[in-house]
């Protein structure tokens, strides 16, 4: 049976834009203020980036399903995603999530400066209330230019680093720091369209 829409369990405007880009109707299924959504994103000791992003995305999917049950909404597949940035096997940068403040954003950007890092985005879909989420992970390599302290300070003052894994957004001013990428531009933005389309096809989601 085909589905005419999905639930998107993400507050990211970039993910919303990307779903609109491929003609997918969606309704928001975001956390309410009482939910402790931040704790889901806390990394476990010695956790690797791929394991982290898969675990967090599946946990978000399970939380979203409970949200759907509590709201007694009509059923539609639930889409979740999570993105993290990583310097693999680096003590300082195995998992570089969202900065907690300006000093943390500066720390992350200094770690990334002049290096090639990975951006990992996991996307999961729940096909039915009694089924486990299906999860795919997309990994891209991003080359970062050498950033001066003045560039970092100016970028932080723009406000763009906040709420973004790795303290930058490729679709904004952060794109000016990136000479090259190898992988999925949409994945780096936060929703890899190739993998997402595979999951939407599994869910028989119709597109406009």
N, C-alpha and C. Protein backbone atom coordinates (compact mmCIF):
# COMPACT_ATOMS: atom_id res chain seq x y z
N UNK A 1 0.84 -1.20 0.00
CA UNK A 1 0.00 0.00 0.00
C UNK A 1 0.88 1.25 0.00
N UNK A 2 0.56 2.20 -0.86
CA UNK A 2 1.37 3.41 -0.95
C UNK A 2 1.02 4.38 0.18
N UNK A 3 1.97 5.24 0.49
CA UNK A 3 1.77 6.27 1.50
C UNK A 3 1.91 7.64 0.84
N UNK A 4 0.97 8.52 1.12
CA UNK A 4 0.97 9.83 0.48
C UNK A 4 1.80 10.87 1.22
N UNK A 5 2.21 10.54 2.46
CA UNK A 5 3.06 11.46 3.21
C UNK A 5 3.85 10.67 4.25
N UNK A 6 4.81 11.34 4.87
CA UNK A 6 5.58 10.76 5.97
C UNK A 6 5.58 11.73 7.14
N UNK A 7 5.99 11.24 8.30
CA UNK A 7 6.29 12.11 9.43
C UNK A 7 7.80 12.35 9.45
N UNK A 8 8.19 13.59 9.63
CA UNK A 8 9.60 13.95 9.77
C UNK A 8 9.87 14.27 11.23
N UNK A 9 10.69 13.45 11.85
CA UNK A 9 11.01 13.65 13.27
C UNK A 9 12.33 14.40 13.38
N UNK A 10 12.34 15.61 12.87
CA UNK A 10 13.54 16.45 12.89
C UNK A 10 13.10 17.90 12.79
N UNK A 11 13.79 18.76 13.53
CA UNK A 11 13.49 20.19 13.47
C UNK A 11 14.39 20.92 12.47
N UNK A 12 15.24 20.19 11.78
CA UNK A 12 16.21 20.81 10.88
C UNK A 12 15.52 21.41 9.66
N UNK A 13 15.66 22.72 9.43
CA UNK A 13 15.08 23.31 8.22
C UNK A 13 15.74 22.79 6.95
N UNK A 14 17.00 22.36 7.05
CA UNK A 14 17.69 21.83 5.87
C UNK A 14 17.06 20.51 5.43
N UNK A 15 16.70 19.67 6.37
CA UNK A 15 16.06 18.40 6.02
C UNK A 15 14.68 18.65 5.41
N UNK A 16 13.98 19.63 5.94
CA UNK A 16 12.68 19.98 5.37
C UNK A 16 12.84 20.46 3.93
N UNK A 17 13.84 21.29 3.68
CA UNK A 17 14.08 21.81 2.33
C UNK A 17 14.41 20.67 1.37
N UNK A 18 15.21 19.72 1.81
CA UNK A 18 15.61 18.62 0.94
C UNK A 18 14.44 17.70 0.61
N UNK A 19 13.57 17.46 1.58
CA UNK A 19 12.38 16.65 1.29
C UNK A 19 11.46 17.37 0.29
N UNK A 20 11.32 18.67 0.45
CA UNK A 20 10.52 19.44 -0.51
C UNK A 20 11.15 19.38 -1.90
N UNK A 21 12.47 19.38 -1.93
CA UNK A 21 13.20 19.35 -3.20
C UNK A 21 12.85 18.10 -4.02
N UNK A 22 12.63 16.98 -3.32
CA UNK A 22 12.33 15.73 -4.05
C UNK A 22 10.83 15.40 -4.04
N UNK A 23 10.01 16.38 -3.64
CA UNK A 23 8.57 16.24 -3.78
C UNK A 23 7.90 15.32 -2.78
N UNK A 24 8.42 15.28 -1.55
CA UNK A 24 7.84 14.42 -0.51
C UNK A 24 6.98 15.26 0.43
N UNK A 25 5.73 14.86 0.58
CA UNK A 25 4.86 15.51 1.56
C UNK A 25 5.20 14.99 2.95
N UNK A 26 5.29 15.89 3.92
CA UNK A 26 5.61 15.45 5.27
C UNK A 26 4.91 16.33 6.29
N UNK A 27 4.71 15.74 7.46
CA UNK A 27 4.21 16.47 8.62
C UNK A 27 5.24 16.34 9.72
N UNK A 28 5.36 17.37 10.52
CA UNK A 28 6.38 17.38 11.56
C UNK A 28 5.95 16.53 12.76
N UNK A 29 6.91 15.81 13.30
CA UNK A 29 6.69 15.00 14.50
C UNK A 29 7.88 15.24 15.42
N UNK A 30 7.97 16.45 15.93
CA UNK A 30 9.15 16.88 16.68
C UNK A 30 8.94 16.71 18.19
N UNK A 31 10.04 16.68 18.95
CA UNK A 31 9.93 16.49 20.41
C UNK A 31 9.17 17.62 21.08
N UNK A 32 8.45 17.27 22.13
CA UNK A 32 7.80 18.31 22.92
C UNK A 32 8.77 18.75 24.02
N UNK A 33 8.50 19.87 24.66
CA UNK A 33 9.44 20.42 25.65
C UNK A 33 9.77 19.48 26.80
N UNK A 34 8.88 18.53 27.10
CA UNK A 34 9.12 17.62 28.23
C UNK A 34 10.10 16.50 27.88
N UNK A 35 10.33 16.27 26.59
CA UNK A 35 11.24 15.20 26.18
C UNK A 35 12.70 15.62 26.35
N UNK A 36 13.50 14.69 26.82
CA UNK A 36 14.93 14.94 27.00
C UNK A 36 15.67 14.50 25.73
N UNK A 37 15.47 15.27 24.67
CA UNK A 37 16.05 14.88 23.38
C UNK A 37 17.56 15.06 23.36
N UNK A 38 18.08 15.99 24.17
CA UNK A 38 19.52 16.25 24.16
C UNK A 38 20.32 15.05 24.66
N UNK A 39 19.78 14.32 25.64
CA UNK A 39 20.53 13.20 26.21
C UNK A 39 20.74 12.09 25.20
N UNK A 40 19.83 11.98 24.22
CA UNK A 40 19.98 10.96 23.18
C UNK A 40 21.27 11.17 22.40
N UNK A 41 21.66 12.44 22.23
CA UNK A 41 22.81 12.79 21.40
C UNK A 41 24.14 12.74 22.14
N UNK A 42 24.13 12.38 23.40
CA UNK A 42 25.39 12.28 24.14
C UNK A 42 26.15 11.03 23.72
N UNK A 43 27.42 11.22 23.38
CA UNK A 43 28.26 10.09 22.95
C UNK A 43 28.63 9.22 24.14
N UNK A 44 28.74 7.93 23.90
CA UNK A 44 29.18 6.99 24.93
C UNK A 44 30.71 6.98 24.98
N UNK A 45 31.30 6.59 26.09
CA UNK A 45 32.76 6.54 26.18
C UNK A 45 33.36 5.65 25.07
N UNK A 46 34.36 6.18 24.37
CA UNK A 46 35.11 5.44 23.34
C UNK A 46 34.24 5.04 22.14
N UNK A 47 33.09 5.67 21.98
CA UNK A 47 32.20 5.31 20.89
C UNK A 47 32.74 5.84 19.56
N UNK A 48 32.69 5.01 18.52
CA UNK A 48 33.10 5.42 17.19
C UNK A 48 31.96 6.18 16.51
N UNK A 49 32.33 7.01 15.54
CA UNK A 49 31.36 7.92 14.93
C UNK A 49 30.23 7.18 14.23
N UNK A 50 30.55 6.12 13.48
CA UNK A 50 29.50 5.41 12.76
C UNK A 50 28.52 4.75 13.72
N UNK A 51 29.05 4.10 14.75
CA UNK A 51 28.19 3.46 15.74
C UNK A 51 27.33 4.51 16.44
N UNK A 52 27.94 5.65 16.71
CA UNK A 52 27.22 6.74 17.38
C UNK A 52 26.04 7.23 16.56
N UNK A 53 26.30 7.54 15.28
CA UNK A 53 25.25 8.15 14.47
C UNK A 53 24.12 7.15 14.19
N UNK A 54 24.45 5.87 14.06
CA UNK A 54 23.41 4.85 13.90
C UNK A 54 22.58 4.73 15.17
N UNK A 55 23.26 4.65 16.30
CA UNK A 55 22.56 4.48 17.58
C UNK A 55 21.62 5.66 17.85
N UNK A 56 22.12 6.87 17.64
CA UNK A 56 21.32 8.06 17.91
C UNK A 56 20.10 8.13 16.99
N UNK A 57 20.29 7.79 15.72
CA UNK A 57 19.18 7.85 14.78
C UNK A 57 18.10 6.82 15.11
N UNK A 58 18.51 5.63 15.49
CA UNK A 58 17.53 4.61 15.88
C UNK A 58 16.83 5.01 17.17
N UNK A 59 17.57 5.60 18.11
CA UNK A 59 16.95 6.07 19.35
C UNK A 59 15.94 7.18 19.07
N UNK A 60 16.27 8.07 18.15
CA UNK A 60 15.33 9.13 17.78
C UNK A 60 14.09 8.53 17.11
N UNK A 61 14.29 7.48 16.33
CA UNK A 61 13.15 6.82 15.67
C UNK A 61 12.21 6.20 16.69
N UNK A 62 12.78 5.56 17.69
CA UNK A 62 11.96 4.92 18.74
C UNK A 62 11.21 5.99 19.53
N UNK A 63 11.89 7.10 19.84
CA UNK A 63 11.23 8.20 20.55
C UNK A 63 10.12 8.82 19.70
N UNK A 64 10.35 8.92 18.41
CA UNK A 64 9.33 9.49 17.52
C UNK A 64 8.11 8.58 17.42
N UNK A 65 8.34 7.27 17.41
CA UNK A 65 7.22 6.33 17.38
C UNK A 65 6.37 6.47 18.64
N UNK A 66 7.01 6.61 19.79
CA UNK A 66 6.27 6.81 21.04
C UNK A 66 5.48 8.12 20.99
N UNK A 67 6.07 9.13 20.38
CA UNK A 67 5.39 10.42 20.22
C UNK A 67 4.14 10.26 19.35
N UNK A 68 4.30 9.50 18.27
CA UNK A 68 3.15 9.24 17.39
C UNK A 68 2.04 8.50 18.15
N UNK A 69 2.42 7.50 18.96
CA UNK A 69 1.43 6.73 19.73
C UNK A 69 0.70 7.62 20.72
N UNK A 70 1.45 8.50 21.39
CA UNK A 70 0.83 9.37 22.39
C UNK A 70 -0.15 10.36 21.76
N UNK A 71 0.16 10.80 20.55
CA UNK A 71 -0.70 11.79 19.88
C UNK A 71 -1.87 11.14 19.16
N UNK A 72 -1.85 9.80 19.05
CA UNK A 72 -2.93 9.06 18.38
C UNK A 72 -3.21 9.60 16.99
N UNK A 73 -2.14 9.74 16.23
CA UNK A 73 -2.23 10.25 14.86
C UNK A 73 -2.47 9.11 13.88
N UNK A 74 -2.98 9.40 12.69
CA UNK A 74 -3.05 8.37 11.66
C UNK A 74 -1.65 7.93 11.27
N UNK A 75 -1.53 6.67 10.86
CA UNK A 75 -0.19 6.14 10.60
C UNK A 75 0.38 6.65 9.28
N UNK A 76 1.68 6.92 9.31
CA UNK A 76 2.49 7.16 8.11
C UNK A 76 3.92 6.81 8.50
N UNK A 77 4.77 6.42 7.56
CA UNK A 77 6.16 6.11 7.89
C UNK A 77 6.84 7.30 8.56
N UNK A 78 7.75 6.98 9.48
CA UNK A 78 8.45 8.02 10.25
C UNK A 78 9.90 8.07 9.80
N UNK A 79 10.36 9.25 9.41
CA UNK A 79 11.73 9.44 8.95
C UNK A 79 12.53 10.21 10.00
N UNK A 80 13.69 9.68 10.35
CA UNK A 80 14.61 10.33 11.29
C UNK A 80 16.00 10.39 10.68
N UNK A 81 16.79 11.33 11.13
CA UNK A 81 18.17 11.41 10.66
C UNK A 81 19.03 12.07 11.72
N UNK A 82 20.32 11.80 11.64
CA UNK A 82 21.27 12.46 12.53
C UNK A 82 22.61 12.56 11.80
N UNK A 83 23.31 13.64 12.05
CA UNK A 83 24.59 13.90 11.39
C UNK A 83 25.67 14.15 12.43
N UNK A 84 26.84 13.61 12.19
CA UNK A 84 27.98 13.97 13.02
C UNK A 84 29.20 14.15 12.14
N UNK A 85 30.18 14.83 12.69
CA UNK A 85 31.44 15.10 12.01
C UNK A 85 32.54 14.37 12.77
N UNK A 86 33.51 13.83 12.03
CA UNK A 86 34.52 13.01 12.68
C UNK A 86 35.88 13.15 12.01
N UNK A 87 36.91 13.22 12.83
CA UNK A 87 38.28 12.95 12.40
C UNK A 87 38.57 11.54 12.91
N UNK A 88 38.41 10.52 12.06
CA UNK A 88 38.47 9.14 12.53
C UNK A 88 39.73 8.83 13.32
N UNK A 89 39.54 8.12 14.42
CA UNK A 89 40.63 7.68 15.29
C UNK A 89 41.43 8.83 15.90
N UNK A 90 40.81 10.00 15.95
CA UNK A 90 41.46 11.14 16.58
C UNK A 90 40.93 11.31 17.99
N UNK A 91 41.82 11.46 18.94
CA UNK A 91 41.40 11.65 20.33
C UNK A 91 40.55 12.91 20.46
N UNK A 92 40.94 13.97 19.74
CA UNK A 92 40.24 15.24 19.84
C UNK A 92 38.97 15.30 19.00
N UNK A 93 38.87 14.45 17.97
CA UNK A 93 37.79 14.66 17.04
C UNK A 93 37.10 13.42 16.51
N UNK A 94 37.04 12.34 17.27
CA UNK A 94 36.31 11.15 16.79
C UNK A 94 34.85 11.50 16.55
N UNK A 95 34.25 12.24 17.46
CA UNK A 95 32.88 12.71 17.29
C UNK A 95 32.85 14.20 17.60
N UNK A 96 32.55 15.01 16.58
CA UNK A 96 32.46 16.46 16.75
C UNK A 96 31.01 16.85 16.50
N UNK A 97 30.27 17.00 17.57
CA UNK A 97 28.85 17.29 17.45
C UNK A 97 28.56 18.78 17.40
N UNK A 98 27.38 19.15 17.88
CA UNK A 98 26.98 20.55 17.87
C UNK A 98 27.71 21.30 18.99
N UNK A 99 28.23 22.48 18.71
CA UNK A 99 28.94 23.23 19.75
C UNK A 99 27.99 23.71 20.85
N UNK A 100 28.47 23.67 22.07
CA UNK A 100 27.64 24.08 23.20
C UNK A 100 27.67 25.59 23.42
N UNK A 101 28.71 26.24 22.94
CA UNK A 101 28.84 27.70 23.08
C UNK A 101 29.92 28.20 22.11
N UNK A 102 30.22 29.48 22.15
CA UNK A 102 31.18 30.05 21.21
C UNK A 102 32.58 29.46 21.38
N UNK A 103 32.99 29.25 22.61
CA UNK A 103 34.32 28.68 22.85
C UNK A 103 34.41 27.26 22.29
N UNK A 104 33.34 26.51 22.45
CA UNK A 104 33.32 25.14 21.93
C UNK A 104 33.33 25.15 20.40
N UNK A 105 32.60 26.09 19.80
CA UNK A 105 32.62 26.22 18.33
C UNK A 105 34.02 26.54 17.84
N UNK A 106 34.73 27.44 18.53
CA UNK A 106 36.10 27.78 18.15
C UNK A 106 37.01 26.56 18.27
N UNK A 107 36.82 25.79 19.33
CA UNK A 107 37.63 24.58 19.52
C UNK A 107 37.44 23.61 18.36
N UNK A 108 36.19 23.38 17.97
CA UNK A 108 35.89 22.44 16.90
C UNK A 108 36.46 22.93 15.57
N UNK A 109 36.26 24.21 15.28
CA UNK A 109 36.75 24.75 14.00
C UNK A 109 38.28 24.72 13.93
N UNK A 110 38.95 24.91 15.05
CA UNK A 110 40.42 24.82 15.07
C UNK A 110 40.87 23.38 14.81
N UNK A 111 40.12 22.42 15.33
CA UNK A 111 40.44 21.01 15.09
C UNK A 111 40.30 20.68 13.60
N UNK A 112 39.25 21.20 12.96
CA UNK A 112 38.97 20.89 11.56
C UNK A 112 39.88 21.66 10.60
N UNK A 113 40.39 22.79 11.02
CA UNK A 113 41.17 23.67 10.15
C UNK A 113 42.33 22.94 9.48
N UNK A 114 42.37 23.00 8.14
CA UNK A 114 43.47 22.42 7.39
C UNK A 114 43.44 20.91 7.25
N UNK A 115 42.37 20.28 7.70
CA UNK A 115 42.29 18.81 7.67
C UNK A 115 41.12 18.33 6.80
N UNK A 116 41.16 17.07 6.44
CA UNK A 116 40.04 16.42 5.78
C UNK A 116 39.30 15.58 6.81
N UNK A 117 38.02 15.83 6.95
CA UNK A 117 37.24 15.11 7.96
C UNK A 117 36.10 14.36 7.28
N UNK A 118 35.43 13.54 8.07
CA UNK A 118 34.27 12.80 7.58
C UNK A 118 32.98 13.41 8.13
N UNK A 119 31.96 13.42 7.30
CA UNK A 119 30.61 13.76 7.73
C UNK A 119 29.76 12.51 7.57
N UNK A 120 29.20 12.05 8.65
CA UNK A 120 28.39 10.83 8.64
C UNK A 120 26.94 11.20 8.94
N UNK A 121 26.05 10.84 8.04
CA UNK A 121 24.63 11.05 8.27
C UNK A 121 23.91 9.72 8.19
N UNK A 122 23.22 9.38 9.26
CA UNK A 122 22.36 8.20 9.28
C UNK A 122 20.93 8.66 9.06
N UNK A 123 20.22 7.90 8.24
CA UNK A 123 18.80 8.17 8.01
C UNK A 123 18.04 6.86 8.21
N UNK A 124 16.92 6.96 8.91
CA UNK A 124 16.15 5.75 9.25
C UNK A 124 14.68 5.98 8.97
N UNK A 125 14.01 4.91 8.58
CA UNK A 125 12.56 4.98 8.38
C UNK A 125 11.89 3.83 9.13
N UNK A 126 10.79 4.14 9.77
CA UNK A 126 9.96 3.14 10.43
C UNK A 126 8.77 2.87 9.51
N UNK A 127 8.70 1.64 9.01
CA UNK A 127 7.69 1.30 8.01
C UNK A 127 6.32 1.01 8.61
N UNK A 128 6.31 0.51 9.84
CA UNK A 128 5.05 0.16 10.51
C UNK A 128 5.28 0.23 12.01
N UNK A 129 4.22 0.46 12.79
CA UNK A 129 4.39 0.63 14.24
C UNK A 129 5.08 -0.54 14.94
N UNK A 130 4.90 -1.75 14.42
CA UNK A 130 5.47 -2.93 15.09
C UNK A 130 6.84 -3.31 14.54
N UNK A 131 7.37 -2.54 13.61
CA UNK A 131 8.63 -2.89 12.97
C UNK A 131 9.78 -2.03 13.48
N UNK A 132 10.99 -2.60 13.44
CA UNK A 132 12.18 -1.85 13.81
C UNK A 132 12.56 -0.90 12.68
N UNK A 133 13.16 0.24 13.00
CA UNK A 133 13.58 1.17 11.95
C UNK A 133 14.64 0.55 11.04
N UNK A 134 14.59 0.90 9.77
CA UNK A 134 15.63 0.54 8.81
C UNK A 134 16.57 1.73 8.69
N UNK A 135 17.86 1.51 8.87
CA UNK A 135 18.81 2.61 8.94
C UNK A 135 19.92 2.45 7.91
N UNK A 136 20.24 3.53 7.21
CA UNK A 136 21.36 3.58 6.28
C UNK A 136 22.28 4.72 6.69
N UNK A 137 23.58 4.57 6.43
CA UNK A 137 24.55 5.60 6.78
C UNK A 137 25.31 6.03 5.53
N UNK A 138 25.41 7.33 5.34
CA UNK A 138 26.19 7.89 4.24
C UNK A 138 27.40 8.61 4.82
N UNK A 139 28.58 8.37 4.24
CA UNK A 139 29.82 8.97 4.73
C UNK A 139 30.46 9.78 3.60
N UNK A 140 30.76 11.03 3.87
CA UNK A 140 31.43 11.90 2.91
C UNK A 140 32.73 12.42 3.51
N UNK A 141 33.68 12.74 2.65
CA UNK A 141 34.94 13.36 3.07
C UNK A 141 34.91 14.84 2.68
N UNK A 142 35.28 15.69 3.61
CA UNK A 142 35.25 17.13 3.39
C UNK A 142 36.63 17.71 3.70
N UNK A 143 37.18 18.40 2.72
CA UNK A 143 38.47 19.08 2.94
C UNK A 143 38.19 20.48 3.47
N UNK A 144 38.89 20.84 4.53
CA UNK A 144 38.73 22.16 5.15
C UNK A 144 39.98 22.99 4.91
N UNK A 145 39.80 24.25 4.58
CA UNK A 145 40.93 25.16 4.43
C UNK A 145 41.54 25.48 5.78
N UNK A 146 42.76 26.01 5.75
CA UNK A 146 43.36 26.54 6.97
C UNK A 146 42.63 27.83 7.36
N UNK A 147 42.12 27.88 8.57
CA UNK A 147 41.37 29.04 9.02
C UNK A 147 42.19 29.87 10.01
N UNK A 148 42.18 31.16 9.82
CA UNK A 148 42.84 32.04 10.77
C UNK A 148 41.92 32.25 11.97
N UNK A 149 42.50 32.75 13.04
CA UNK A 149 41.68 33.04 14.23
C UNK A 149 40.62 34.08 13.91
N UNK A 150 40.98 35.06 13.05
CA UNK A 150 40.01 36.10 12.68
C UNK A 150 38.85 35.50 11.89
N UNK A 151 39.14 34.56 10.97
CA UNK A 151 38.07 33.91 10.21
C UNK A 151 37.14 33.13 11.13
N UNK A 152 37.72 32.43 12.09
CA UNK A 152 36.92 31.65 13.03
C UNK A 152 36.03 32.57 13.86
N UNK A 153 36.61 33.65 14.36
CA UNK A 153 35.84 34.59 15.19
C UNK A 153 34.69 35.21 14.40
N UNK A 154 34.97 35.59 13.15
CA UNK A 154 33.94 36.21 12.31
C UNK A 154 32.82 35.22 12.02
N UNK A 155 33.21 33.98 11.75
CA UNK A 155 32.21 32.96 11.45
C UNK A 155 31.34 32.67 12.67
N UNK A 156 31.94 32.57 13.82
CA UNK A 156 31.16 32.34 15.05
C UNK A 156 30.21 33.50 15.31
N UNK A 157 30.67 34.73 15.04
CA UNK A 157 29.83 35.91 15.25
C UNK A 157 28.61 35.91 14.33
N UNK A 158 28.70 35.20 13.21
CA UNK A 158 27.55 35.11 12.29
C UNK A 158 26.43 34.27 12.88
N UNK A 159 26.74 33.42 13.85
CA UNK A 159 25.75 32.55 14.48
C UNK A 159 25.53 31.24 13.76
N UNK A 160 26.12 31.08 12.58
CA UNK A 160 25.87 29.88 11.78
C UNK A 160 26.36 28.57 12.42
N UNK A 161 27.47 28.58 13.16
CA UNK A 161 27.97 27.30 13.70
C UNK A 161 27.03 26.61 14.68
N UNK A 162 26.13 27.34 15.30
CA UNK A 162 25.34 26.77 16.38
C UNK A 162 24.21 25.90 15.85
N UNK A 163 24.03 24.76 16.51
CA UNK A 163 23.00 23.81 16.10
C UNK A 163 23.42 22.92 14.95
N UNK A 164 24.73 22.97 14.60
CA UNK A 164 25.21 22.18 13.48
C UNK A 164 26.39 21.31 13.92
N UNK A 165 26.34 20.04 13.56
CA UNK A 165 27.47 19.15 13.85
C UNK A 165 28.72 19.68 13.16
N UNK A 166 29.83 19.66 13.89
CA UNK A 166 31.08 20.16 13.34
C UNK A 166 31.18 21.67 13.34
N UNK A 167 30.18 22.35 13.85
CA UNK A 167 30.18 23.81 13.99
C UNK A 167 30.24 24.55 12.65
N UNK A 168 29.69 23.94 11.60
CA UNK A 168 29.61 24.67 10.33
C UNK A 168 28.46 24.14 9.48
N UNK A 169 28.03 24.97 8.52
CA UNK A 169 27.01 24.56 7.57
C UNK A 169 27.54 24.74 6.16
N UNK A 170 27.60 23.67 5.40
CA UNK A 170 28.15 23.73 4.04
C UNK A 170 27.28 24.57 3.12
N UNK A 171 25.97 24.64 3.42
CA UNK A 171 25.04 25.36 2.56
C UNK A 171 25.06 26.86 2.84
N UNK A 172 25.84 27.31 3.83
CA UNK A 172 25.91 28.72 4.18
C UNK A 172 27.31 29.26 4.04
N UNK A 173 27.67 30.14 4.96
CA UNK A 173 29.01 30.73 4.93
C UNK A 173 30.10 29.68 5.09
N UNK A 174 29.78 28.59 5.77
CA UNK A 174 30.76 27.53 5.96
C UNK A 174 31.25 26.94 4.66
N UNK A 175 30.44 27.03 3.61
CA UNK A 175 30.84 26.52 2.32
C UNK A 175 32.07 27.21 1.75
N UNK A 176 32.35 28.43 2.22
CA UNK A 176 33.52 29.16 1.73
C UNK A 176 34.83 28.61 2.29
N UNK A 177 34.75 27.71 3.27
CA UNK A 177 35.95 27.11 3.86
C UNK A 177 36.31 25.77 3.21
N UNK A 178 35.52 25.34 2.23
CA UNK A 178 35.61 23.96 1.75
C UNK A 178 36.08 23.90 0.29
N UNK A 179 37.36 23.58 0.05
CA UNK A 179 37.85 23.48 -1.33
C UNK A 179 37.25 22.31 -2.10
N UNK A 180 36.98 21.20 -1.42
CA UNK A 180 36.47 20.03 -2.13
C UNK A 180 35.77 19.08 -1.18
N UNK A 181 34.87 18.29 -1.77
CA UNK A 181 34.21 17.22 -1.02
C UNK A 181 34.26 15.95 -1.86
N UNK A 182 34.17 14.83 -1.18
CA UNK A 182 34.04 13.55 -1.86
C UNK A 182 32.88 12.82 -1.19
N UNK A 183 31.77 12.75 -1.91
CA UNK A 183 30.61 12.10 -1.30
C UNK A 183 29.32 12.78 -1.69
N UNK A 184 28.44 13.00 -0.73
CA UNK A 184 27.09 13.50 -0.97
C UNK A 184 26.92 14.88 -0.36
N UNK A 185 26.68 15.87 -1.22
CA UNK A 185 26.44 17.22 -0.72
C UNK A 185 25.21 17.25 0.18
N UNK A 186 24.14 16.57 -0.25
CA UNK A 186 22.92 16.55 0.58
C UNK A 186 23.16 15.81 1.89
N UNK A 187 24.03 14.79 1.86
CA UNK A 187 24.37 14.09 3.10
C UNK A 187 25.09 14.99 4.07
N UNK A 188 25.98 15.83 3.55
CA UNK A 188 26.69 16.78 4.40
C UNK A 188 25.72 17.82 4.96
N UNK A 189 24.71 18.17 4.18
CA UNK A 189 23.68 19.08 4.68
C UNK A 189 22.84 18.45 5.79
N UNK A 190 22.72 17.12 5.76
CA UNK A 190 21.97 16.47 6.84
C UNK A 190 20.94 15.45 6.42
N UNK A 191 20.78 15.26 5.08
CA UNK A 191 19.82 14.25 4.62
C UNK A 191 20.26 13.74 3.25
N UNK A 192 21.00 12.64 3.21
CA UNK A 192 21.50 12.12 1.92
C UNK A 192 20.34 11.66 1.04
N UNK A 193 20.16 12.32 -0.09
CA UNK A 193 18.96 12.08 -0.90
C UNK A 193 18.95 10.70 -1.54
N UNK A 194 20.11 10.18 -1.91
CA UNK A 194 20.14 8.84 -2.52
C UNK A 194 19.63 7.80 -1.52
N UNK A 195 20.22 7.77 -0.34
CA UNK A 195 19.82 6.80 0.68
C UNK A 195 18.38 7.05 1.15
N UNK A 196 18.02 8.32 1.28
CA UNK A 196 16.66 8.65 1.71
C UNK A 196 15.63 8.14 0.70
N UNK A 197 15.92 8.31 -0.58
CA UNK A 197 15.01 7.84 -1.63
C UNK A 197 14.87 6.32 -1.59
N UNK A 198 15.98 5.62 -1.32
CA UNK A 198 15.90 4.17 -1.19
C UNK A 198 14.92 3.77 -0.09
N UNK A 199 15.00 4.47 1.04
CA UNK A 199 14.12 4.16 2.17
C UNK A 199 12.67 4.55 1.85
N UNK A 200 12.48 5.68 1.20
CA UNK A 200 11.12 6.11 0.83
C UNK A 200 10.49 5.11 -0.15
N UNK A 201 11.31 4.57 -1.04
CA UNK A 201 10.79 3.55 -1.97
C UNK A 201 10.39 2.29 -1.22
N UNK A 202 11.18 1.94 -0.20
CA UNK A 202 10.81 0.77 0.62
C UNK A 202 9.46 1.00 1.29
N UNK A 203 9.22 2.24 1.66
CA UNK A 203 7.97 2.60 2.34
C UNK A 203 6.84 2.90 1.36
N UNK A 204 7.12 2.81 0.07
CA UNK A 204 6.12 3.09 -0.98
C UNK A 204 5.50 4.47 -0.81
N UNK A 205 6.37 5.46 -0.61
CA UNK A 205 5.92 6.83 -0.44
C UNK A 205 5.81 7.48 -1.82
N UNK A 206 4.64 8.01 -2.10
CA UNK A 206 4.42 8.70 -3.38
C UNK A 206 5.01 10.10 -3.29
N UNK A 207 5.46 10.61 -4.46
CA UNK A 207 6.02 11.95 -4.51
C UNK A 207 5.23 12.82 -5.47
N UNK A 208 5.26 14.10 -5.19
CA UNK A 208 4.50 15.07 -5.98
C UNK A 208 5.15 15.22 -7.36
